[in-house]
Amino acid sequence: MIRKLKSGKYRLYSRMPDKKTNKRRNLGTFDTLEAAKNHEREIHYFKHH
């Protein structure tokens, strides 16, 4: 899940909330939406290969 921050950057969050904190894990902050989407694709590839 990608959200735009007030600073204009984009942050990638995990899909499932953390069991301990009930919040989504921060998986990285990126300058562009395209960079965030690319990293999300890399994460999904790594999880399934």
Protein backbone atom coordinates (compact mmCIF):
# COMPACT_ATOMS: atom_id res chain seq x y z
CA MET A 1 0.00 0.00 0.00
CA ILE A 2 1.46 3.33 -1.07
CA ARG A 3 0.54 6.63 0.56
CA LYS A 4 1.63 10.15 -0.30
CA LEU A 5 3.17 12.06 2.60
CA LYS A 6 2.82 15.77 3.33
CA SER A 7 6.45 16.20 2.29
CA GLY A 8 5.52 15.05 -1.23
CA LYS A 9 7.32 11.72 -0.94
CA TYR A 10 5.67 8.31 -1.12
CA ARG A 11 5.80 5.62 1.56
CA LEU A 12 5.29 1.93 1.07
CA TYR A 13 3.41 0.14 3.87
CA SER A 14 2.82 -3.57 4.37
CA ARG A 15 -0.61 -4.87 3.44
CA MET A 16 -1.27 -6.61 6.76
CA PRO A 17 -1.06 -4.71 10.07
CA ASP A 18 1.59 -5.76 12.58
CA LYS A 19 0.09 -8.04 15.24
CA LYS A 20 1.86 -6.27 18.11
CA THR A 21 1.15 -2.65 17.22
CA ASN A 22 -1.91 -3.01 14.92
CA LYS A 23 -0.19 -0.62 12.50
CA ARG A 24 1.21 -1.25 9.05
CA ARG A 25 4.99 -1.70 8.73
CA ASN A 26 6.93 1.02 6.92
CA LEU A 27 8.69 -0.69 3.99
CA GLY A 28 10.47 2.37 2.69
CA THR A 29 10.07 6.00 1.61
CA PHE A 30 10.62 7.05 -2.01
CA ASP A 31 10.84 10.32 -3.92
CA THR A 32 8.54 9.23 -6.75
CA LEU A 33 5.43 7.10 -7.04
CA GLU A 34 7.10 5.07 -9.80
CA ALA A 35 10.02 4.19 -7.49
CA ALA A 36 7.60 3.07 -4.77
CA LYS A 37 5.62 0.92 -7.22
CA ASN A 38 8.85 -0.61 -8.53
CA HIS A 39 9.99 -1.53 -5.03
CA GLU A 40 6.57 -3.01 -4.23
CA ARG A 41 6.91 -5.23 -7.34
CA GLU A 42 10.38 -6.32 -6.20
CA ILE A 43 9.03 -7.25 -2.75
CA HIS A 44 6.19 -9.35 -4.22
CA TYR A 45 8.63 -11.08 -6.60
CA PHE A 46 10.99 -11.89 -3.73
CA LYS A 47 8.14 -13.24 -1.56
CA HIS A 48 7.00 -15.68 -4.25
CA HIS A 49 10.31 -16.90 -5.73
